[in-house]
Structures are given as structure tokens and as C-alpha cells.
């Protein structure tokens, strides 16, 4: 009977392995990178766009608008990249602190931590006879026990080792890519008023495209995302332009 039971278990395990190999799930797993791209591009499209529109409203020349815009893009990329680095570094530091705190609790009060495992599993509908073996197995595997507590008790995922640097570079480069779009017309059109009209058209088109792509990647309705992104950018530039006109008229 024991041999048959062991054979059945091996067969079931082999069947599960084959099922997992045959089944491919299509989940989007690059959420952090996409989030950084969204932050960088959206700010890059709207902030320089608003600055250029505001300077154009003050009757500045295309050369002045371009110079100020490029300076803003450079400063903005550095600032945004630094912000992304510090945010990701803070997440890593927080995770490491909680990891050490949880390890200390497992070492000093293992029975309490084991009871927390049982409590967590009971919330998923498992009874004592079902979660008991799981608790025992985790207590016999300290590394898995620690990872379980971090994920299911604290809701924390281990950050990627190079997350801070990748986040900084992604946000900064995305900001530059987005920021150059509204400034390009000022390179080719010497008259600021005409350049602004072209910049408005180009930037609104870029905002629509970016919002649509963002919606596709984030699971939102692409057309709604495109409209929302475009409206935010348009409002930002309109506000800057109106403020410049108001200051000029004083």
C-alpha cells in the first residue's frame, strides 16, 4: 500500500509538472519599468510643453524658448532620475529593515510566528488539518519561512538588486525623450508664435499616442487613457500660456 501511494504521488507530481510546462500564462511582469517610463514620458511631454507655451505667450524668440526648454529638460531629467533613484533605494532599504526584523522575530519567538502562518492560511479557508503540515514544513525550512512571512504577512516583495539604478536611468531617459518632442518645432521654425502652433499639434499627437500605448500596457481602456493624458497635457500648457499672458499685460 505504501509503495502504491508513493507511486501515485510521483505520478501526480509528474502530471502537474507536465501541465505547467504545457500551459503558458500571458501576464505582464514589467510593471515597475513601465511605471518609470510613464512617469518620465508624461512629465517630459507636459512640463517642457507648458514652459515653451508660456515663453511663447511672453513673445520670446524661438532661440530663447529652445534654450530654456533644453535647460529645463536637462535639469528635469536629472531631478526626476534622482527622485526615482532615491525612491527605489528607500524601498530596498525598507525591505531590508523589515527582513532583518522578521528574521529576529523568527529566531526569538518562533511559536508566535508559526501561529501567524496558521492565521494567514486560515484566511484562505484552510482548516487546522490542512494548514498544519504547511506550518511544519515552513518551520523546517527557515529561508522559505522568512520569505513566506515577508510576502504574506507584510506584503513585501524582494526588490531587484539594481532596481534603483535602472529606475533612475529609465525615468531620466524617458523624460528626455518626452521633453524633446514639444521643443523640436522651435528648432525649425524661427518665429515663436508659429513654432508654438506646430508644437501644440505635435505634442497633442504625442500625448494621444503615448496615452493609448500606456492604456494598452496598464490594462486601461486605451482610448480613454489617450484622452485623459491629452487633456492633462493641454490643461498644463494652457495654464502656463495664460499666466505668461497675464504677467505680460501687467
Protein backbone atom coordinates (compact mmCIF):
# COMPACT_ATOMS: atom_id res chain seq x y z
CA UNK A 1 0.00 0.00 0.00
CA UNK A 2 2.82 2.40 0.88
CA UNK A 3 4.57 1.68 -2.40
CA UNK A 4 1.38 2.28 -4.36
CA UNK A 5 0.75 5.52 -2.51
CA UNK A 6 4.29 6.70 -3.24
CA UNK A 7 3.93 5.75 -6.90
CA UNK A 8 0.65 7.65 -7.15
CA UNK A 9 2.27 10.73 -5.60
CA UNK A 10 5.15 10.62 -8.09
CA UNK A 11 2.72 10.23 -10.97
CA UNK A 12 0.63 13.17 -9.76
CA UNK A 13 3.76 15.28 -9.36
CA UNK A 14 4.90 14.39 -12.87
CA UNK A 15 1.46 15.20 -14.25
CA UNK A 16 1.50 18.61 -12.55
CA UNK A 17 4.96 19.33 -13.97
CA UNK A 18 3.82 18.46 -17.50
CA UNK A 19 0.72 20.62 -17.15
CA UNK A 20 2.81 23.59 -16.04
CA UNK A 21 5.20 23.11 -18.97
CA UNK A 22 2.34 22.94 -21.48
CA UNK A 23 0.47 25.94 -20.04
CA UNK A 24 1.88 29.38 -20.79
CA UNK A 25 0.27 32.29 -18.96
CA UNK A 26 0.44 35.71 -20.58
CA UNK A 27 0.94 38.07 -17.68
CA UNK A 28 2.59 41.45 -17.90
CA UNK A 29 5.52 41.40 -15.45
CA UNK A 30 7.46 44.57 -16.30
CA UNK A 31 5.20 46.82 -14.25
CA UNK A 32 7.95 48.78 -12.47
CA UNK A 33 9.81 49.62 -15.68
CA UNK A 34 6.60 50.67 -17.42
CA UNK A 35 5.65 52.80 -14.42
CA UNK A 36 9.01 54.59 -14.64
CA UNK A 37 8.58 55.14 -18.38
CA UNK A 38 5.09 56.54 -17.83
CA UNK A 39 6.38 58.93 -15.15
CA UNK A 40 9.26 60.10 -17.29
CA UNK A 41 7.47 60.48 -20.62
CA UNK A 42 4.31 62.06 -19.22
CA UNK A 43 6.29 64.69 -17.29
CA UNK A 44 8.65 65.16 -20.23
CA UNK A 45 5.80 65.86 -22.61
CA UNK A 46 3.86 68.21 -20.35
CA UNK A 47 6.43 70.27 -18.43
CA UNK A 48 8.63 71.46 -21.34
CA UNK A 49 5.47 71.86 -23.40
CA UNK A 50 3.98 74.14 -20.76
CA UNK A 51 7.26 76.05 -20.41
CA UNK A 52 7.57 76.57 -24.17
CA UNK A 53 3.95 77.69 -24.42
CA UNK A 54 4.41 80.10 -21.54
CA UNK A 55 7.55 81.66 -23.03
CA UNK A 56 5.88 81.90 -26.43
CA UNK A 57 3.00 83.68 -24.77
CA UNK A 58 5.50 86.21 -23.45
CA UNK A 59 6.69 86.86 -27.03
CA UNK A 60 10.07 85.19 -26.51
CA UNK A 61 12.08 84.21 -29.58
CA UNK A 62 12.30 80.60 -30.76
CA UNK A 63 16.00 80.56 -29.82
CA UNK A 64 15.21 81.65 -26.27
CA UNK A 65 12.35 79.14 -25.95
CA UNK A 66 14.61 76.36 -27.24
CA UNK A 67 17.47 77.28 -24.93
CA UNK A 68 15.23 77.49 -21.88
CA UNK A 69 13.44 74.31 -22.90
CA UNK A 70 16.64 72.30 -23.30
CA UNK A 71 17.92 73.59 -19.96
CA UNK A 72 14.65 72.53 -18.34
CA UNK A 73 14.82 69.09 -19.97
CA UNK A 74 18.37 68.57 -18.69
CA UNK A 75 17.51 69.76 -15.18
CA UNK A 76 14.24 67.87 -15.16
CA UNK A 77 15.88 64.62 -16.28
CA UNK A 78 18.48 64.87 -13.52
CA UNK A 79 15.86 65.76 -10.91
CA UNK A 80 13.43 63.06 -11.99
CA UNK A 81 16.18 60.44 -12.25
CA UNK A 82 17.48 61.32 -8.81
CA UNK A 83 13.96 61.13 -7.42
CA UNK A 84 13.47 57.71 -8.98
CA UNK A 85 16.79 56.51 -7.56
CA UNK A 86 16.01 57.72 -4.04
CA UNK A 87 12.50 56.26 -4.12
CA UNK A 88 13.74 52.83 -5.26
CA UNK A 89 16.63 52.95 -2.79
CA UNK A 90 14.19 53.75 0.02
CA UNK A 91 12.05 50.75 -0.96
CA UNK A 92 15.12 48.49 -0.85
CA UNK A 93 16.24 49.87 2.50
CA UNK A 94 12.74 49.43 3.94
CA UNK A 95 12.60 45.84 2.69
CA UNK A 96 15.99 45.01 4.22
CA UNK A 97 14.99 46.51 7.57
CA UNK A 98 11.77 44.54 7.66
CA UNK A 99 13.62 41.41 6.54
CA UNK A 100 16.02 41.67 9.47
CA UNK A 101 13.18 42.46 11.89
CA UNK A 102 11.20 39.45 10.69
CA UNK A 103 14.28 37.21 10.95
CA UNK A 104 14.80 38.35 14.53
CA UNK A 105 11.18 37.52 15.37
CA UNK A 106 11.51 34.05 13.84
CA UNK A 107 14.65 33.46 15.92
CA UNK A 108 13.28 34.82 19.21
CA UNK A 109 9.54 33.96 19.11
CA UNK A 110 9.19 31.09 16.60
CA UNK A 111 5.92 29.83 18.09
CA UNK A 112 4.29 33.24 17.64
CA UNK A 113 5.48 33.42 14.04
CA UNK A 114 4.20 29.89 13.40
CA UNK A 115 0.82 30.92 14.79
CA UNK A 116 0.85 33.84 12.34
CA UNK A 117 1.37 31.38 9.47
CA UNK A 118 -1.68 29.43 10.63
CA UNK A 119 -3.70 32.63 10.90
CA UNK A 120 -2.72 33.72 7.38
CA UNK A 121 -3.59 30.35 5.86
CA UNK A 122 -6.89 30.18 7.75
CA UNK A 123 -7.91 33.40 5.98
CA UNK A 124 -7.76 31.42 2.73
CA UNK A 125 -10.26 28.89 4.06
CA UNK A 126 -7.80 26.22 5.23
CA UNK A 127 -8.56 24.32 8.41
CA UNK A 128 -6.07 23.15 11.08
CA UNK A 129 -5.69 19.72 9.49
CA UNK A 130 -4.84 21.37 6.16
CA UNK A 131 -2.53 24.18 7.21
CA UNK A 132 -0.82 22.14 9.96
CA UNK A 133 1.55 20.30 7.58
CA UNK A 134 2.32 23.58 5.80
CA UNK A 135 3.28 25.25 9.08
CA UNK A 136 5.51 22.32 9.96
CA UNK A 137 7.15 22.31 6.53
CA UNK A 138 7.89 26.04 6.71
CA UNK A 139 9.35 25.73 10.21
CA UNK A 140 11.71 23.09 8.85
CA UNK A 141 12.78 25.45 6.03
CA UNK A 142 13.90 28.75 7.62
CA UNK A 143 14.59 30.51 4.31
CA UNK A 144 11.16 29.67 2.89
CA UNK A 145 9.60 30.61 6.24
CA UNK A 146 11.18 34.06 6.13
CA UNK A 147 10.15 34.64 2.50
CA UNK A 148 6.60 33.50 3.29
CA UNK A 149 6.28 35.96 6.17
CA UNK A 150 7.68 38.82 4.11
CA UNK A 151 5.25 38.21 1.28
CA UNK A 152 2.06 37.12 3.01
CA UNK A 153 2.29 38.87 6.38
CA UNK A 154 3.95 42.13 5.35
CA UNK A 155 3.01 42.17 1.66
CA UNK A 156 6.58 42.97 0.60
CA UNK A 157 8.34 41.65 -2.50
CA UNK A 158 12.12 41.45 -2.68
CA UNK A 159 13.34 44.38 -4.84
CA UNK A 160 15.64 43.74 -7.77
CA UNK A 161 19.30 44.35 -6.80
CA UNK A 162 19.82 47.03 -9.47
CA UNK A 163 16.34 48.48 -9.18
CA UNK A 164 17.47 51.95 -8.03
CA UNK A 165 19.91 52.48 -10.91
CA UNK A 166 17.51 51.08 -13.50
CA UNK A 167 14.70 53.28 -12.21
CA UNK A 168 16.87 56.41 -12.30
CA UNK A 169 18.10 55.74 -15.84
CA UNK A 170 14.64 54.80 -17.13
CA UNK A 171 12.91 57.87 -15.74
CA UNK A 172 15.68 60.26 -16.85
CA UNK A 173 15.89 58.92 -20.41
CA UNK A 174 12.10 58.81 -20.72
CA UNK A 175 11.92 62.41 -19.55
CA UNK A 176 14.44 63.46 -22.19
CA UNK A 177 12.59 61.54 -24.91
CA UNK A 178 9.30 63.15 -23.97
CA UNK A 179 10.76 66.59 -23.40
CA UNK A 180 12.34 66.88 -26.83
CA UNK A 181 9.02 66.42 -28.63
CA UNK A 182 7.46 69.84 -27.86
CA UNK A 183 10.81 71.60 -28.44
CA UNK A 184 11.59 70.24 -31.91
CA UNK A 185 9.37 72.76 -33.78
CA UNK A 186 11.41 75.61 -32.27
CA UNK A 187 14.49 74.18 -33.99
CA UNK A 188 12.98 74.53 -37.45
CA UNK A 189 10.55 77.46 -37.07
CA UNK A 190 12.27 80.77 -36.15
CA UNK A 191 9.05 82.63 -35.27
CA UNK A 192 7.94 81.56 -31.78
CA UNK A 193 4.22 82.01 -32.38
CA UNK A 194 4.20 79.72 -35.41
CA UNK A 195 6.55 77.29 -33.68
CA UNK A 196 4.16 77.12 -30.74
CA UNK A 197 1.24 76.24 -33.04
CA UNK A 198 3.29 73.40 -34.53
CA UNK A 199 4.46 72.35 -31.05
CA UNK A 200 0.86 72.20 -29.85
CA UNK A 201 -0.14 69.93 -32.72
CA UNK A 202 2.92 67.68 -32.40
CA UNK A 203 2.69 67.41 -28.62
CA UNK A 204 -1.04 66.70 -28.59
CA UNK A 205 -0.47 63.94 -31.15
CA UNK A 206 2.35 62.56 -29.00
CA UNK A 207 0.16 62.72 -25.89
CA UNK A 208 -2.62 60.85 -27.67
CA UNK A 209 -0.22 58.17 -28.88
CA UNK A 210 1.50 57.87 -25.51
CA UNK A 211 -1.80 57.70 -23.64
CA UNK A 212 -3.06 55.00 -25.99
CA UNK A 213 0.09 52.89 -25.58
CA UNK A 214 0.03 53.44 -21.82
CA UNK A 215 -3.55 52.19 -21.69
CA UNK A 216 -2.63 49.06 -23.63
CA UNK A 217 0.22 48.21 -21.25
CA UNK A 218 -1.54 49.07 -17.99
CA UNK A 219 -4.83 47.35 -18.83
CA UNK A 220 -6.87 50.55 -19.00
CA UNK A 221 -9.11 51.38 -21.92
CA UNK A 222 -6.61 52.71 -24.49
CA UNK A 223 -8.84 55.41 -25.98
CA UNK A 224 -9.90 56.70 -22.56
CA UNK A 225 -6.28 56.71 -21.42
CA UNK A 226 -5.30 58.65 -24.56
CA UNK A 227 -7.97 61.28 -23.96
CA UNK A 228 -7.11 61.66 -20.26
CA UNK A 229 -3.39 62.02 -20.96
CA UNK A 230 -4.02 64.59 -23.68
CA UNK A 231 -6.40 66.64 -21.54
CA UNK A 232 -3.88 66.83 -18.67
CA UNK A 233 -1.13 67.98 -21.02
CA UNK A 234 -3.39 70.52 -22.72
CA UNK A 235 -4.54 71.98 -19.40
CA UNK A 236 -0.95 72.32 -18.16
CA UNK A 237 0.19 74.17 -21.27
CA UNK A 238 -2.94 76.35 -21.36
CA UNK A 239 -2.39 77.37 -17.72
CA UNK A 240 1.24 78.30 -18.37
CA UNK A 241 0.34 80.24 -21.51
CA UNK A 242 -2.42 82.15 -19.69
CA UNK A 243 -0.11 83.03 -16.78
CA UNK A 244 2.54 84.33 -19.17
CA UNK A 245 -0.02 86.49 -20.97
CA UNK A 246 -1.31 87.80 -17.65
CA UNK A 247 2.18 88.76 -16.45
CA UNK A 248 2.94 90.41 -19.81
CA UNK A 249 -0.18 92.56 -19.64
CA UNK A 250 0.62 93.91 -16.18
